[in-house]
Amino acid sequence: MNDVATNGKLEKVCREAQAKLQKLDAEKNNDITSKLEWCIGSYNNDKNPEGLIEVGAQALTILKSYKKKNSRQVSKKLIEDLEKVTAV
């Protein structure tokens, strides 16, 4: 199992990504934020990080596109943290 997942960092970073996506455009990002919410709940129940890592990677792609359009919209730290926790 991914050691990042065991120390709680995976859940924390995915929650931060979810909050950022809602803040950027809640309506447009509803699908990914809903998936993140579901996967966070699932991860809390079974501690299996696979789904959360997969959806976290999808969120990373979306956040990178926001950052490319306007570098101030998404922090470099959030991108780096998501890259670390979704690396398999």
PDB file of N, CA and C in Angstrom:
ATOM      1  N   MET A   1       0.843  -1.182   0.000  1.00  0.00           N
ATOM      2  CA  MET A   1       0.000   0.000   0.000  1.00  0.00           C
ATOM      3  C   MET A   1       0.886   1.243   0.000  1.00  0.00           C
ATOM      4  N   ASN A   2       0.426   2.250  -0.628  1.00  0.00           N
ATOM      5  CA  ASN A   2       1.122   3.536  -0.718  1.00  0.00           C
ATOM      6  C   ASN A   2       1.311   4.107   0.690  1.00  0.00           C
ATOM      7  N   ASP A   3       2.573   4.350   1.100  1.00  0.00           N
ATOM      8  CA  ASP A   3       2.810   4.850   2.454  1.00  0.00           C
ATOM      9  C   ASP A   3       2.270   6.258   2.661  1.00  0.00           C
ATOM     10  N   VAL A   4       2.095   7.010   1.576  1.00  0.00           N
ATOM     11  CA  VAL A   4       1.493   8.339   1.672  1.00  0.00           C
ATOM     12  C   VAL A   4       0.059   8.201   2.177  1.00  0.00           C
ATOM     13  N   ALA A   5      -0.629   7.182   1.698  1.00  0.00           N
ATOM     14  CA  ALA A   5      -2.018   6.968   2.090  1.00  0.00           C
ATOM     15  C   ALA A   5      -2.120   6.649   3.576  1.00  0.00           C
ATOM     16  N   THR A   6      -1.172   5.914   4.103  1.00  0.00           N
ATOM     17  CA  THR A   6      -1.267   5.486   5.490  1.00  0.00           C
ATOM     18  C   THR A   6      -1.102   6.633   6.469  1.00  0.00           C
ATOM     19  N   ASN A   7      -0.412   7.687   6.098  1.00  0.00           N
ATOM     20  CA  ASN A   7      -0.231   8.778   7.060  1.00  0.00           C
ATOM     21  C   ASN A   7      -1.270   9.889   6.913  1.00  0.00           C
ATOM     22  N   GLY A   8      -2.293   9.682   6.111  1.00  0.00           N
ATOM     23  CA  GLY A   8      -3.376  10.647   6.019  1.00  0.00           C
ATOM     24  C   GLY A   8      -3.163  11.789   5.037  1.00  0.00           C
ATOM     25  N   LYS A   9      -1.998  11.876   4.447  1.00  0.00           N
ATOM     26  CA  LYS A   9      -1.706  12.972   3.532  1.00  0.00           C
ATOM     27  C   LYS A   9      -2.587  12.886   2.272  1.00  0.00           C
ATOM     28  N   LEU A  10      -2.833  11.686   1.803  1.00  0.00           N
ATOM     29  CA  LEU A  10      -3.654  11.503   0.602  1.00  0.00           C
ATOM     30  C   LEU A  10      -5.024  12.145   0.784  1.00  0.00           C
ATOM     31  N   GLU A  11      -5.674  11.819   1.883  1.00  0.00           N
ATOM     32  CA  GLU A  11      -7.006  12.375   2.133  1.00  0.00           C
ATOM     33  C   GLU A  11      -6.948  13.892   2.265  1.00  0.00           C
ATOM     34  N   LYS A  12      -5.988  14.400   3.003  1.00  0.00           N
ATOM     35  CA  LYS A  12      -5.852  15.844   3.236  1.00  0.00           C
ATOM     36  C   LYS A  12      -5.675  16.601   1.921  1.00  0.00           C
ATOM     37  N   VAL A  13      -4.780  16.130   1.074  1.00  0.00           N
ATOM     38  CA  VAL A  13      -4.499  16.813  -0.191  1.00  0.00           C
ATOM     39  C   VAL A  13      -5.707  16.729  -1.125  1.00  0.00           C
ATOM     40  N   CYS A  14      -6.382  15.598  -1.141  1.00  0.00           N
ATOM     41  CA  CYS A  14      -7.566  15.475  -1.994  1.00  0.00           C
ATOM     42  C   CYS A  14      -8.698  16.381  -1.506  1.00  0.00           C
ATOM     43  N   ARG A  15      -8.822  16.557  -0.208  1.00  0.00           N
ATOM     44  CA  ARG A  15      -9.816  17.507   0.320  1.00  0.00           C
ATOM     45  C   ARG A  15      -9.466  18.938  -0.109  1.00  0.00           C
ATOM     46  N   GLU A  16      -8.178  19.274  -0.071  1.00  0.00           N
ATOM     47  CA  GLU A  16      -7.737  20.605  -0.507  1.00  0.00           C
ATOM     48  C   GLU A  16      -8.041  20.799  -1.993  1.00  0.00           C
ATOM     49  N   ALA A  17      -7.786  19.781  -2.795  1.00  0.00           N
ATOM     50  CA  ALA A  17      -8.070  19.860  -4.229  1.00  0.00           C
ATOM     51  C   ALA A  17      -9.565  20.032  -4.470  1.00  0.00           C
ATOM     52  N   GLN A  18     -10.367  19.290  -3.722  1.00  0.00           N
ATOM     53  CA  GLN A  18     -11.816  19.393  -3.860  1.00  0.00           C
ATOM     54  C   GLN A  18     -12.286  20.818  -3.538  1.00  0.00           C
ATOM     55  N   ALA A  19     -11.779  21.372  -2.454  1.00  0.00           N
ATOM     56  CA  ALA A  19     -12.166  22.730  -2.068  1.00  0.00           C
ATOM     57  C   ALA A  19     -11.742  23.745  -3.130  1.00  0.00           C
ATOM     58  N   LYS A  20     -10.559  23.590  -3.671  1.00  0.00           N
ATOM     59  CA  LYS A  20     -10.061  24.513  -4.700  1.00  0.00           C
ATOM     60  C   LYS A  20     -10.911  24.415  -5.956  1.00  0.00           C
ATOM     61  N   LEU A  21     -11.254  23.206  -6.375  1.00  0.00           N
ATOM     62  CA  LEU A  21     -12.075  23.033  -7.572  1.00  0.00           C
ATOM     63  C   LEU A  21     -13.459  23.649  -7.379  1.00  0.00           C
ATOM     64  N   GLN A  22     -14.030  23.512  -6.190  1.00  0.00           N
ATOM     65  CA  GLN A  22     -15.330  24.125  -5.920  1.00  0.00           C
ATOM     66  C   GLN A  22     -15.220  25.642  -5.963  1.00  0.00           C
ATOM     67  N   LYS A  23     -14.142  26.172  -5.435  1.00  0.00           N
ATOM     68  CA  LYS A  23     -13.949  27.617  -5.415  1.00  0.00           C
ATOM     69  C   LYS A  23     -13.743  28.175  -6.826  1.00  0.00           C
ATOM     70  N   LEU A  24     -13.027  27.435  -7.666  1.00  0.00           N
ATOM     71  CA  LEU A  24     -12.739  27.919  -9.016  1.00  0.00           C
ATOM     72  C   LEU A  24     -13.998  27.969  -9.881  1.00  0.00           C
ATOM     73  N   ASP A  25     -14.786  26.903  -9.857  1.00  0.00           N
ATOM     74  CA  ASP A  25     -16.005  26.857 -10.664  1.00  0.00           C
ATOM     75  C   ASP A  25     -16.834  25.655 -10.205  1.00  0.00           C
ATOM     76  N   ALA A  26     -17.639  25.869  -9.194  1.00  0.00           N
ATOM     77  CA  ALA A  26     -18.379  24.771  -8.563  1.00  0.00           C
ATOM     78  C   ALA A  26     -19.269  24.021  -9.556  1.00  0.00           C
ATOM     79  N   GLU A  27     -19.942  24.766 -10.428  1.00  0.00           N
ATOM     80  CA  GLU A  27     -20.859  24.121 -11.372  1.00  0.00           C
ATOM     81  C   GLU A  27     -20.100  23.281 -12.398  1.00  0.00           C
ATOM     82  N   LYS A  28     -19.057  23.846 -12.963  1.00  0.00           N
ATOM     83  CA  LYS A  28     -18.279  23.151 -13.989  1.00  0.00           C
ATOM     84  C   LYS A  28     -17.555  21.924 -13.412  1.00  0.00           C
ATOM     85  N   ASN A  29     -17.110  22.016 -12.163  1.00  0.00           N
ATOM     86  CA  ASN A  29     -16.326  20.950 -11.551  1.00  0.00           C
ATOM     87  C   ASN A  29     -17.148  20.038 -10.653  1.00  0.00           C
ATOM     88  N   ASN A  30     -18.463  20.108 -10.753  1.00  0.00           N
ATOM     89  CA  ASN A  30     -19.331  19.319  -9.887  1.00  0.00           C
ATOM     90  C   ASN A  30     -19.043  17.827  -9.990  1.00  0.00           C
ATOM     91  N   ASP A  31     -18.796  17.324 -11.186  1.00  0.00           N
ATOM     92  CA  ASP A  31     -18.566  15.895 -11.377  1.00  0.00           C
ATOM     93  C   ASP A  31     -17.323  15.423 -10.608  1.00  0.00           C
ATOM     94  N   ILE A  32     -16.215  16.123 -10.785  1.00  0.00           N
ATOM     95  CA  ILE A  32     -14.972  15.703 -10.136  1.00  0.00           C
ATOM     96  C   ILE A  32     -15.035  15.924  -8.628  1.00  0.00           C
ATOM     97  N   THR A  33     -15.669  16.997  -8.179  1.00  0.00           N
ATOM     98  CA  THR A  33     -15.756  17.224  -6.735  1.00  0.00           C
ATOM     99  C   THR A  33     -16.653  16.173  -6.081  1.00  0.00           C
ATOM    100  N   SER A  34     -17.697  15.753  -6.777  1.00  0.00           N
ATOM    101  CA  SER A  34     -18.559  14.680  -6.260  1.00  0.00           C
ATOM    102  C   SER A  34     -17.793  13.366  -6.171  1.00  0.00           C
ATOM    103  N   LYS A  35     -17.008  13.077  -7.194  1.00  0.00           N
ATOM    104  CA  LYS A  35     -16.194  11.854  -7.182  1.00  0.00           C
ATOM    105  C   LYS A  35     -15.181  11.891  -6.040  1.00  0.00           C
ATOM    106  N   LEU A  36     -14.556  13.042  -5.851  1.00  0.00           N
ATOM    107  CA  LEU A  36     -13.596  13.168  -4.749  1.00  0.00           C
ATOM    108  C   LEU A  36     -14.282  12.935  -3.413  1.00  0.00           C
ATOM    109  N   GLU A  37     -15.448  13.542  -3.218  1.00  0.00           N
ATOM    110  CA  GLU A  37     -16.188  13.382  -1.965  1.00  0.00           C
ATOM    111  C   GLU A  37     -16.514  11.908  -1.717  1.00  0.00           C
ATOM    112  N   TRP A  38     -16.991  11.228  -2.757  1.00  0.00           N
ATOM    113  CA  TRP A  38     -17.351   9.820  -2.618  1.00  0.00           C
ATOM    114  C   TRP A  38     -16.118   8.982  -2.298  1.00  0.00           C
ATOM    115  N   CYS A  39     -15.022   9.235  -3.007  1.00  0.00           N
ATOM    116  CA  CYS A  39     -13.795   8.458  -2.802  1.00  0.00           C
ATOM    117  C   CYS A  39     -13.174   8.725  -1.431  1.00  0.00           C
ATOM    118  N   ILE A  40     -13.274   9.945  -0.938  1.00  0.00           N
ATOM    119  CA  ILE A  40     -12.770  10.256   0.407  1.00  0.00           C
ATOM    120  C   ILE A  40     -13.568   9.464   1.441  1.00  0.00           C
ATOM    121  N   GLY A  41     -14.884   9.441   1.281  1.00  0.00           N
ATOM    122  CA  GLY A  41     -15.725   8.659   2.193  1.00  0.00           C
ATOM    123  C   GLY A  41     -15.414   7.178   2.120  1.00  0.00           C
ATOM    124  N   SER A  42     -15.248   6.682   0.919  1.00  0.00           N
ATOM    125  CA  SER A  42     -14.910   5.272   0.723  1.00  0.00           C
ATOM    126  C   SER A  42     -13.556   4.950   1.352  1.00  0.00           C
ATOM    127  N   TYR A  43     -12.590   5.830   1.140  1.00  0.00           N
ATOM    128  CA  TYR A  43     -11.259   5.637   1.716  1.00  0.00           C
ATOM    129  C   TYR A  43     -11.324   5.625   3.241  1.00  0.00           C
ATOM    130  N   ASN A  44     -12.133   6.495   3.825  1.00  0.00           N
ATOM    131  CA  ASN A  44     -12.280   6.516   5.282  1.00  0.00           C
ATOM    132  C   ASN A  44     -12.871   5.214   5.811  1.00  0.00           C
ATOM    133  N   ASN A  45     -13.717   4.580   5.012  1.00  0.00           N
ATOM    134  CA  ASN A  45     -14.338   3.324   5.437  1.00  0.00           C
ATOM    135  C   ASN A  45     -13.425   2.120   5.292  1.00  0.00           C
ATOM    136  N   ASP A  46     -12.735   2.023   4.158  1.00  0.00           N
ATOM    137  CA  ASP A  46     -11.968   0.795   3.912  1.00  0.00           C
ATOM    138  C   ASP A  46     -10.451   0.977   3.841  1.00  0.00           C
ATOM    139  N   LYS A  47      -9.991   2.210   3.880  1.00  0.00           N
ATOM    140  CA  LYS A  47      -8.552   2.534   3.826  1.00  0.00           C
ATOM    141  C   LYS A  47      -7.864   1.994   2.566  1.00  0.00           C
ATOM    142  N   ASN A  48      -8.653   1.749   1.515  1.00  0.00           N
ATOM    143  CA  ASN A  48      -8.104   1.343   0.227  1.00  0.00           C
ATOM    144  C   ASN A  48      -7.949   2.610  -0.615  1.00  0.00           C
ATOM    145  N   PRO A  49      -6.713   3.022  -0.915  1.00  0.00           N
ATOM    146  CA  PRO A  49      -6.486   4.312  -1.562  1.00  0.00           C
ATOM    147  C   PRO A  49      -6.639   4.325  -3.081  1.00  0.00           C
ATOM    148  N   GLU A  50      -6.879   3.174  -3.711  1.00  0.00           N
ATOM    149  CA  GLU A  50      -6.870   3.114  -5.177  1.00  0.00           C
ATOM    150  C   GLU A  50      -7.796   4.116  -5.843  1.00  0.00           C
ATOM    151  N   GLY A  51      -9.053   4.152  -5.449  1.00  0.00           N
ATOM    152  CA  GLY A  51     -10.013   5.070  -6.069  1.00  0.00           C
ATOM    153  C   GLY A  51      -9.662   6.521  -5.818  1.00  0.00           C
ATOM    154  N   LEU A  52      -9.228   6.819  -4.607  1.00  0.00           N
ATOM    155  CA  LEU A  52      -8.873   8.192  -4.262  1.00  0.00           C
ATOM    156  C   LEU A  52      -7.645   8.651  -5.039  1.00  0.00           C
ATOM    157  N   ILE A  53      -6.699   7.758  -5.231  1.00  0.00           N
ATOM    158  CA  ILE A  53      -5.509   8.094  -6.029  1.00  0.00           C
ATOM    159  C   ILE A  53      -5.915   8.358  -7.481  1.00  0.00           C
ATOM    160  N   GLU A  54      -6.783   7.515  -8.018  1.00  0.00           N
ATOM    161  CA  GLU A  54      -7.227   7.666  -9.411  1.00  0.00           C
ATOM    162  C   GLU A  54      -7.976   8.980  -9.634  1.00  0.00           C
ATOM    163  N   VAL A  55      -8.912   9.287  -8.752  1.00  0.00           N
ATOM    164  CA  VAL A  55      -9.699  10.516  -8.894  1.00  0.00           C
ATOM    165  C   VAL A  55      -8.827  11.731  -8.556  1.00  0.00           C
ATOM    166  N   GLY A  56      -7.909  11.570  -7.621  1.00  0.00           N
ATOM    167  CA  GLY A  56      -6.958  12.639  -7.315  1.00  0.00           C
ATOM    168  C   GLY A  56      -6.116  13.006  -8.527  1.00  0.00           C
ATOM    169  N   ALA A  57      -5.733  11.998  -9.302  1.00  0.00           N
ATOM    170  CA  ALA A  57      -4.965  12.242 -10.526  1.00  0.00           C
ATOM    171  C   ALA A  57      -5.805  13.001 -11.552  1.00  0.00           C
ATOM    172  N   GLN A  58      -7.098  12.693 -11.623  1.00  0.00           N
ATOM    173  CA  GLN A  58      -7.993  13.423 -12.521  1.00  0.00           C
ATOM    174  C   GLN A  58      -8.108  14.878 -12.081  1.00  0.00           C
ATOM    175  N   ALA A  59      -8.218  15.085 -10.776  1.00  0.00           N
ATOM    176  CA  ALA A  59      -8.286  16.448 -10.240  1.00  0.00           C
ATOM    177  C   ALA A  59      -6.994  17.201 -10.537  1.00  0.00           C
ATOM    178  N   LEU A  60      -5.877  16.516 -10.445  1.00  0.00           N
ATOM    179  CA  LEU A  60      -4.579  17.119 -10.746  1.00  0.00           C
ATOM    180  C   LEU A  60      -4.541  17.644 -12.170  1.00  0.00           C
ATOM    181  N   THR A  61      -5.020  16.860 -13.110  1.00  0.00           N
ATOM    182  CA  THR A  61      -5.052  17.272 -14.514  1.00  0.00           C
ATOM    183  C   THR A  61      -5.888  18.542 -14.684  1.00  0.00           C
ATOM    184  N   ILE A  62      -7.035  18.583 -14.037  1.00  0.00           N
ATOM    185  CA  ILE A  62      -7.910  19.755 -14.135  1.00  0.00           C
ATOM    186  C   ILE A  62      -7.248  20.974 -13.502  1.00  0.00           C
ATOM    187  N   LEU A  63      -6.658  20.784 -12.331  1.00  0.00           N
ATOM    188  CA  LEU A  63      -6.005  21.903 -11.647  1.00  0.00           C
ATOM    189  C   LEU A  63      -4.805  22.427 -12.436  1.00  0.00           C
ATOM    190  N   LYS A  64      -4.087  21.534 -13.081  1.00  0.00           N
ATOM    191  CA  LYS A  64      -2.954  21.971 -13.922  1.00  0.00           C
ATOM    192  C   LYS A  64      -3.450  22.838 -15.080  1.00  0.00           C
ATOM    193  N   SER A  65      -4.605  22.498 -15.641  1.00  0.00           N
ATOM    194  CA  SER A  65      -5.130  23.306 -16.744  1.00  0.00           C
ATOM    195  C   SER A  65      -5.536  24.697 -16.254  1.00  0.00           C
ATOM    196  N   TYR A  66      -6.093  24.777 -15.054  1.00  0.00           N
ATOM    197  CA  TYR A  66      -6.404  26.091 -14.474  1.00  0.00           C
ATOM    198  C   TYR A  66      -5.120  26.891 -14.258  1.00  0.00           C
ATOM    199  N   LYS A  67      -4.095  26.215 -13.747  1.00  0.00           N
ATOM    200  CA  LYS A  67      -2.828  26.897 -13.462  1.00  0.00           C
ATOM    201  C   LYS A  67      -2.189  27.400 -14.750  1.00  0.00           C
ATOM    202  N   LYS A  68      -2.322  26.627 -15.822  1.00  0.00           N
ATOM    203  CA  LYS A  68      -1.750  27.029 -17.107  1.00  0.00           C
ATOM    204  C   LYS A  68      -2.433  28.294 -17.629  1.00  0.00           C
ATOM    205  N   LYS A  69      -3.740  28.395 -17.420  1.00  0.00           N
ATOM    206  CA  LYS A  69      -4.488  29.568 -17.876  1.00  0.00           C
ATOM    207  C   LYS A  69      -4.173  30.798 -17.038  1.00  0.00           C
ATOM    208  N   ASN A  70      -4.051  30.593 -15.728  1.00  0.00           N
ATOM    209  CA  ASN A  70      -3.759  31.693 -14.811  1.00  0.00           C
ATOM    210  C   ASN A  70      -2.975  31.117 -13.642  1.00  0.00           C
ATOM    211  N   SER A  71      -1.687  31.386 -13.615  1.00  0.00           N
ATOM    212  CA  SER A  71      -0.806  30.748 -12.632  1.00  0.00           C
ATOM    213  C   SER A  71      -1.153  31.078 -11.189  1.00  0.00           C
ATOM    214  N   ARG A  72      -1.923  32.130 -10.964  1.00  0.00           N
ATOM    215  CA  ARG A  72      -2.269  32.502  -9.592  1.00  0.00           C
ATOM    216  C   ARG A  72      -3.516  31.790  -9.073  1.00  0.00           C
ATOM    217  N   GLN A  73      -4.239  31.105  -9.936  1.00  0.00           N
ATOM    218  CA  GLN A  73      -5.466  30.437  -9.504  1.00  0.00           C
ATOM    219  C   GLN A  73      -5.201  29.220  -8.627  1.00  0.00           C
ATOM    220  N   VAL A  74      -4.117  28.510  -8.894  1.00  0.00           N
ATOM    221  CA  VAL A  74      -3.817  27.273  -8.177  1.00  0.00           C
ATOM    222  C   VAL A  74      -2.386  27.350  -7.671  1.00  0.00           C
ATOM    223  N   SER A  75      -2.201  27.021  -6.400  1.00  0.00           N
ATOM    224  CA  SER A  75      -0.860  27.116  -5.822  1.00  0.00           C
ATOM    225  C   SER A  75       0.052  25.997  -6.327  1.00  0.00           C
ATOM    226  N   LYS A  76       1.306  26.332  -6.430  1.00  0.00           N
ATOM    227  CA  LYS A  76       2.319  25.361  -6.835  1.00  0.00           C
ATOM    228  C   LYS A  76       2.373  24.220  -5.822  1.00  0.00           C
ATOM    229  N   LYS A  77       2.206  24.549  -4.553  1.00  0.00           N
ATOM    230  CA  LYS A  77       2.257  23.548  -3.497  1.00  0.00           C
ATOM    231  C   LYS A  77       1.133  22.525  -3.654  1.00  0.00           C
ATOM    232  N   LEU A  78      -0.071  22.968  -3.973  1.00  0.00           N
ATOM    233  CA  LEU A  78      -1.173  22.034  -4.157  1.00  0.00           C
ATOM    234  C   LEU A  78      -0.882  21.083  -5.309  1.00  0.00           C
ATOM    235  N   ILE A  79      -0.375  21.616  -6.413  1.00  0.00           N
ATOM    236  CA  ILE A  79      -0.027  20.779  -7.563  1.00  0.00           C
ATOM    237  C   ILE A  79       1.040  19.759  -7.160  1.00  0.00           C
ATOM    238  N   GLU A  80       2.091  20.221  -6.494  1.00  0.00           N
ATOM    239  CA  GLU A  80       3.178  19.325  -6.083  1.00  0.00           C
ATOM    240  C   GLU A  80       2.695  18.256  -5.112  1.00  0.00           C
ATOM    241  N   ASP A  81       1.861  18.651  -4.158  1.00  0.00           N
ATOM    242  CA  ASP A  81       1.334  17.684  -3.189  1.00  0.00           C
ATOM    243  C   ASP A  81       0.469  16.633  -3.874  1.00  0.00           C
ATOM    244  N   LEU A  82      -0.366  17.062  -4.806  1.00  0.00           N
ATOM    245  CA  LEU A  82      -1.204  16.109  -5.543  1.00  0.00           C
ATOM    246  C   LEU A  82      -0.347  15.173  -6.389  1.00  0.00           C
ATOM    247  N   GLU A  83       0.698  15.702  -6.996  1.00  0.00           N
ATOM    248  CA  GLU A  83       1.605  14.857  -7.782  1.00  0.00           C
ATOM    249  C   GLU A  83       2.237  13.787  -6.901  1.00  0.00           C
ATOM    250  N   LYS A  84       2.636  14.164  -5.696  1.00  0.00           N
ATOM    251  CA  LYS A  84       3.250  13.197  -4.775  1.00  0.00           C
ATOM    252  C   LYS A  84       2.286  12.098  -4.350  1.00  0.00           C
ATOM    253  N   VAL A  85       1.066  12.481  -3.973  1.00  0.00           N
ATOM    254  CA  VAL A  85       0.148  11.489  -3.448  1.00  0.00           C
ATOM    255  C   VAL A  85      -0.502  10.630  -4.533  1.00  0.00           C
ATOM    256  N   THR A  86      -0.502  11.107  -5.767  1.00  0.00           N
ATOM    257  CA  THR A  86      -1.114  10.292  -6.827  1.00  0.00           C
ATOM    258  C   THR A  86      -0.077   9.488  -7.606  1.00  0.00           C
ATOM    259  N   ALA A  87       1.200   9.691  -7.321  1.00  0.00           N
ATOM    260  CA  ALA A  87       2.253   8.907  -7.974  1.00  0.00           C
ATOM    261  C   ALA A  87       2.153   7.469  -7.466  1.00  0.00           C
ATOM    262  N   VAL A  88       2.153   6.544  -8.391  1.00  0.00           N
ATOM    263  CA  VAL A  88       1.986   5.130  -8.001  1.00  0.00           C
ATOM    264  C   VAL A  88       3.290   4.389  -8.076  1.00  0.00           C
TER     265      VAL A  88
END
